[in-house]
Amino acid sequence: MKFQYGDACLSLQQVYQWTGKFMNGISSVTDCPRPGQAHPVVTPEGIAAVEAIVKENGRVTVNETARSAD
């Protein structure tokens, strides 16, 4: 597989870890929430605020948008 897929291929150790998790009933491949981890919040009000900022200035940066939307 490494020859076919190169660096995009999972290591054998990772395959063994995932196989063990799936055999123990864990079926999700996403990370579980951790204490202190930021919770993304997407609301219609937030989306409207960002759209208004971008419509006002189409060359606004992500950092400027984040500061303005707070």
N, C-alpha and C. Protein backbone atom coordinates (compact mmCIF):
# COMPACT_ATOMS: atom_id res chain seq x y z
N MET A 1 0.82 -1.19 0.00
CA MET A 1 0.00 0.00 0.00
C MET A 1 0.87 1.26 0.00
N LYS A 2 1.98 1.22 0.70
CA LYS A 2 2.86 2.38 0.77
C LYS A 2 3.37 2.73 -0.63
N PHE A 3 3.66 1.71 -1.44
CA PHE A 3 4.13 1.95 -2.80
C PHE A 3 3.03 2.63 -3.62
N GLN A 4 1.78 2.18 -3.46
CA GLN A 4 0.66 2.70 -4.24
C GLN A 4 0.27 4.11 -3.79
N TYR A 5 0.16 4.36 -2.46
CA TYR A 5 -0.38 5.61 -1.95
C TYR A 5 0.67 6.57 -1.40
N GLY A 6 1.89 6.13 -1.23
CA GLY A 6 2.96 7.00 -0.74
C GLY A 6 2.72 7.44 0.69
N ASP A 7 3.00 8.72 0.98
CA ASP A 7 2.87 9.25 2.33
C ASP A 7 1.43 9.38 2.80
N ALA A 8 0.46 9.30 1.89
CA ALA A 8 -0.95 9.40 2.27
C ALA A 8 -1.45 8.12 2.93
N CYS A 9 -0.65 7.08 2.92
CA CYS A 9 -1.03 5.80 3.47
C CYS A 9 -0.84 5.80 4.99
N LEU A 10 -1.79 5.19 5.71
CA LEU A 10 -1.66 5.05 7.16
C LEU A 10 -0.55 4.07 7.49
N SER A 11 0.07 4.30 8.65
CA SER A 11 1.09 3.35 9.09
C SER A 11 0.40 2.08 9.60
N LEU A 12 1.14 0.99 9.64
CA LEU A 12 0.59 -0.28 10.11
C LEU A 12 0.15 -0.16 11.57
N GLN A 13 0.90 0.59 12.37
CA GLN A 13 0.55 0.80 13.77
C GLN A 13 -0.80 1.52 13.88
N GLN A 14 -1.03 2.53 13.05
CA GLN A 14 -2.30 3.26 13.08
C GLN A 14 -3.45 2.35 12.67
N VAL A 15 -3.24 1.48 11.70
CA VAL A 15 -4.27 0.53 11.28
C VAL A 15 -4.62 -0.40 12.44
N TYR A 16 -3.60 -0.89 13.15
CA TYR A 16 -3.84 -1.76 14.31
C TYR A 16 -4.61 -1.02 15.40
N GLN A 17 -4.27 0.25 15.66
CA GLN A 17 -4.97 1.02 16.68
C GLN A 17 -6.44 1.20 16.32
N TRP A 18 -6.71 1.60 15.09
CA TRP A 18 -8.09 1.81 14.66
C TRP A 18 -8.87 0.50 14.67
N THR A 19 -8.24 -0.59 14.23
CA THR A 19 -8.91 -1.88 14.24
C THR A 19 -9.31 -2.25 15.66
N GLY A 20 -8.41 -2.04 16.61
CA GLY A 20 -8.72 -2.33 18.01
C GLY A 20 -9.87 -1.50 18.53
N LYS A 21 -9.90 -0.21 18.18
CA LYS A 21 -10.98 0.65 18.62
C LYS A 21 -12.32 0.21 18.02
N PHE A 22 -12.32 -0.11 16.74
CA PHE A 22 -13.57 -0.54 16.09
C PHE A 22 -14.06 -1.86 16.66
N MET A 23 -13.14 -2.76 16.99
CA MET A 23 -13.53 -4.05 17.56
C MET A 23 -14.11 -3.87 18.97
N ASN A 24 -13.72 -2.79 19.67
CA ASN A 24 -14.24 -2.51 21.01
C ASN A 24 -15.50 -1.65 20.98
N GLY A 25 -16.05 -1.41 19.79
CA GLY A 25 -17.33 -0.71 19.68
C GLY A 25 -17.25 0.77 19.37
N ILE A 26 -16.05 1.32 19.27
CA ILE A 26 -15.93 2.73 18.93
C ILE A 26 -16.03 2.85 17.41
N SER A 27 -17.04 3.58 16.93
CA SER A 27 -17.25 3.64 15.49
C SER A 27 -16.99 5.02 14.90
N SER A 28 -16.57 5.98 15.72
CA SER A 28 -16.31 7.32 15.23
C SER A 28 -14.81 7.52 15.01
N VAL A 29 -14.45 8.16 13.91
CA VAL A 29 -13.04 8.44 13.63
C VAL A 29 -12.67 9.88 13.99
N THR A 30 -13.62 10.65 14.52
CA THR A 30 -13.33 12.03 14.92
C THR A 30 -12.80 12.05 16.35
N ASP A 31 -12.08 13.11 16.68
CA ASP A 31 -11.57 13.27 18.03
C ASP A 31 -12.71 13.56 18.99
N CYS A 32 -12.62 13.02 20.20
CA CYS A 32 -13.60 13.31 21.24
C CYS A 32 -13.30 14.69 21.82
N PRO A 33 -14.32 15.37 22.33
CA PRO A 33 -14.07 16.68 22.96
C PRO A 33 -13.15 16.51 24.16
N ARG A 34 -12.29 17.49 24.37
CA ARG A 34 -11.35 17.47 25.50
C ARG A 34 -11.60 18.68 26.38
N PRO A 35 -11.29 18.57 27.67
CA PRO A 35 -11.46 19.73 28.55
C PRO A 35 -10.59 20.89 28.08
N GLY A 36 -11.15 22.08 28.10
CA GLY A 36 -10.42 23.26 27.69
C GLY A 36 -10.40 23.52 26.20
N GLN A 37 -10.98 22.61 25.43
CA GLN A 37 -11.00 22.75 23.98
C GLN A 37 -12.10 23.75 23.60
N ALA A 38 -11.81 24.61 22.65
CA ALA A 38 -12.78 25.60 22.20
C ALA A 38 -13.97 24.91 21.54
N HIS A 39 -15.16 25.46 21.79
CA HIS A 39 -16.38 24.94 21.19
C HIS A 39 -16.80 25.86 20.06
N PRO A 40 -16.79 25.38 18.82
CA PRO A 40 -17.20 26.25 17.72
C PRO A 40 -18.70 26.52 17.78
N VAL A 41 -19.06 27.78 17.63
CA VAL A 41 -20.47 28.16 17.68
C VAL A 41 -20.78 28.89 16.39
N VAL A 42 -21.70 28.35 15.62
CA VAL A 42 -22.13 28.97 14.37
C VAL A 42 -23.62 29.28 14.50
N THR A 43 -23.94 30.55 14.46
CA THR A 43 -25.34 30.98 14.57
C THR A 43 -25.70 31.82 13.34
N PRO A 44 -26.97 31.92 13.04
CA PRO A 44 -27.38 32.77 11.92
C PRO A 44 -26.94 34.23 12.11
N GLU A 45 -26.93 34.70 13.37
CA GLU A 45 -26.50 36.07 13.64
C GLU A 45 -25.02 36.25 13.31
N GLY A 46 -24.20 35.27 13.69
CA GLY A 46 -22.77 35.33 13.40
C GLY A 46 -22.48 35.29 11.91
N ILE A 47 -23.21 34.44 11.21
CA ILE A 47 -23.05 34.34 9.76
C ILE A 47 -23.42 35.67 9.10
N ALA A 48 -24.53 36.27 9.55
CA ALA A 48 -24.96 37.56 8.98
C ALA A 48 -23.93 38.65 9.26
N ALA A 49 -23.33 38.63 10.46
CA ALA A 49 -22.33 39.65 10.80
C ALA A 49 -21.10 39.53 9.90
N VAL A 50 -20.64 38.32 9.68
CA VAL A 50 -19.47 38.11 8.83
C VAL A 50 -19.80 38.48 7.38
N GLU A 51 -20.98 38.11 6.90
CA GLU A 51 -21.37 38.47 5.53
C GLU A 51 -21.40 39.99 5.36
N ALA A 52 -21.89 40.71 6.37
CA ALA A 52 -21.94 42.18 6.28
C ALA A 52 -20.53 42.76 6.21
N ILE A 53 -19.61 42.21 7.00
CA ILE A 53 -18.23 42.70 7.00
C ILE A 53 -17.59 42.47 5.62
N VAL A 54 -17.82 41.29 5.05
CA VAL A 54 -17.22 40.96 3.76
C VAL A 54 -17.84 41.79 2.64
N LYS A 55 -19.15 42.03 2.71
CA LYS A 55 -19.80 42.87 1.69
C LYS A 55 -19.29 44.30 1.74
N GLU A 56 -18.97 44.77 2.95
CA GLU A 56 -18.45 46.13 3.11
C GLU A 56 -17.05 46.25 2.53
N ASN A 57 -16.23 45.22 2.75
CA ASN A 57 -14.85 45.24 2.27
C ASN A 57 -14.49 43.82 1.84
N GLY A 58 -14.47 43.58 0.55
CA GLY A 58 -14.19 42.24 0.03
C GLY A 58 -12.75 41.78 0.22
N ARG A 59 -11.86 42.69 0.61
CA ARG A 59 -10.46 42.34 0.81
C ARG A 59 -10.10 42.21 2.28
N VAL A 60 -11.09 42.08 3.13
CA VAL A 60 -10.87 41.96 4.57
C VAL A 60 -10.20 40.61 4.87
N THR A 61 -9.29 40.60 5.85
CA THR A 61 -8.60 39.37 6.20
C THR A 61 -9.39 38.59 7.24
N VAL A 62 -9.02 37.35 7.44
CA VAL A 62 -9.69 36.51 8.43
C VAL A 62 -9.51 37.11 9.83
N ASN A 63 -8.31 37.57 10.14
CA ASN A 63 -8.05 38.15 11.46
C ASN A 63 -8.89 39.41 11.68
N GLU A 64 -9.00 40.25 10.66
CA GLU A 64 -9.81 41.46 10.79
C GLU A 64 -11.28 41.10 10.99
N THR A 65 -11.74 40.09 10.29
CA THR A 65 -13.12 39.64 10.42
C THR A 65 -13.38 39.12 11.83
N ALA A 66 -12.44 38.34 12.36
CA ALA A 66 -12.60 37.78 13.71
C ALA A 66 -12.66 38.90 14.75
N ARG A 67 -11.81 39.92 14.61
CA ARG A 67 -11.83 41.04 15.56
C ARG A 67 -13.13 41.83 15.46
N SER A 68 -13.64 42.03 14.24
CA SER A 68 -14.84 42.81 14.02
C SER A 68 -16.10 42.08 14.45
N ALA A 69 -16.12 40.78 14.33
CA ALA A 69 -17.32 39.99 14.63
C ALA A 69 -17.52 39.80 16.11
N ASP A 70 -16.51 40.07 16.94
CA ASP A 70 -16.65 39.88 18.40
C ASP A 70 -17.58 40.84 18.99
